[in-house]
Amino acid sequence: MVKLDILSDPICPWCLIGKAQLERALEARPDHPFVIEWHPFQLNPDMPAEGADRRAYLEEKFGGKARAVQIYARIAEHAASAGIEINFEGITRTPNTLDAHRLIHWAGIEGAQARVVSALMRAYFQEGRDIGDRDVLADIADSAGLDAAVIRKLLDSDADVQDIRDRDAAACEMGVNSVPTFIVAGKHAVPGAQPTEVWLRVIDEIMAQDPDES
């Protein structure tokens, strides 16, 4: 088995695209060696807890409406060419994702990370839900088979807040400055939303290795 660590933010469209393209490779190679773990990386660590109006935030971040539209048109084009649905018009707020990352962390303890990450991205990119809202997060937890009441209680506490911040900071200190970033076997960093074909080659190369050489 080979560990595949994925640093991502559930509101990052490139993370959604990269996830989908990786999953297609995994489906094509059902005997793949990867054991996957998701790790926190906040694109907007200074975002207010209540989030912000998405349009205003993007225009400020990219220096105006024209530039924001240009950048997201490119993202939409990539998503469409990969067959990935993103309802950008339905997204009205950019949330602070600290609580979403806490939920992903707790899901990992319960063996439900894949389900929760998928549910978070679906809620944000397809359903236009505010995944900074704790009621929304509890509902997502419930849909993924976690105990919503327990998750809500944890969200209302400061449980693992510092841990998520420390792990986020550690990723930055390692040199990660964009997501998705995939780390294969704890040593090979693969940045960006890689095409399915790249992942197929990586999987085939790993599986072709002599066990005594790995």
Foldseek 3Di string as FASTA:
>chain_A
DKEKEWEDFLQDLQQVLLVVQQVVLCVVVVVFDYDYAYAYAWPCQPAPLAFAFVQVVQQVVQVHNVRSVVVVVVSVVSCVVSVHAFDVVLAGTDHGCLLLRVLLVVCVVVVQNVQLSVLSNCCVGPVNDHNSDLVVSLVSCVVSPHHSVVSSVCSVDCPCSVVNVVRNVVCVVVPDDDDGWMDIRNHDIDHTSDGSVVSNVVRVVVVPDDPVVD
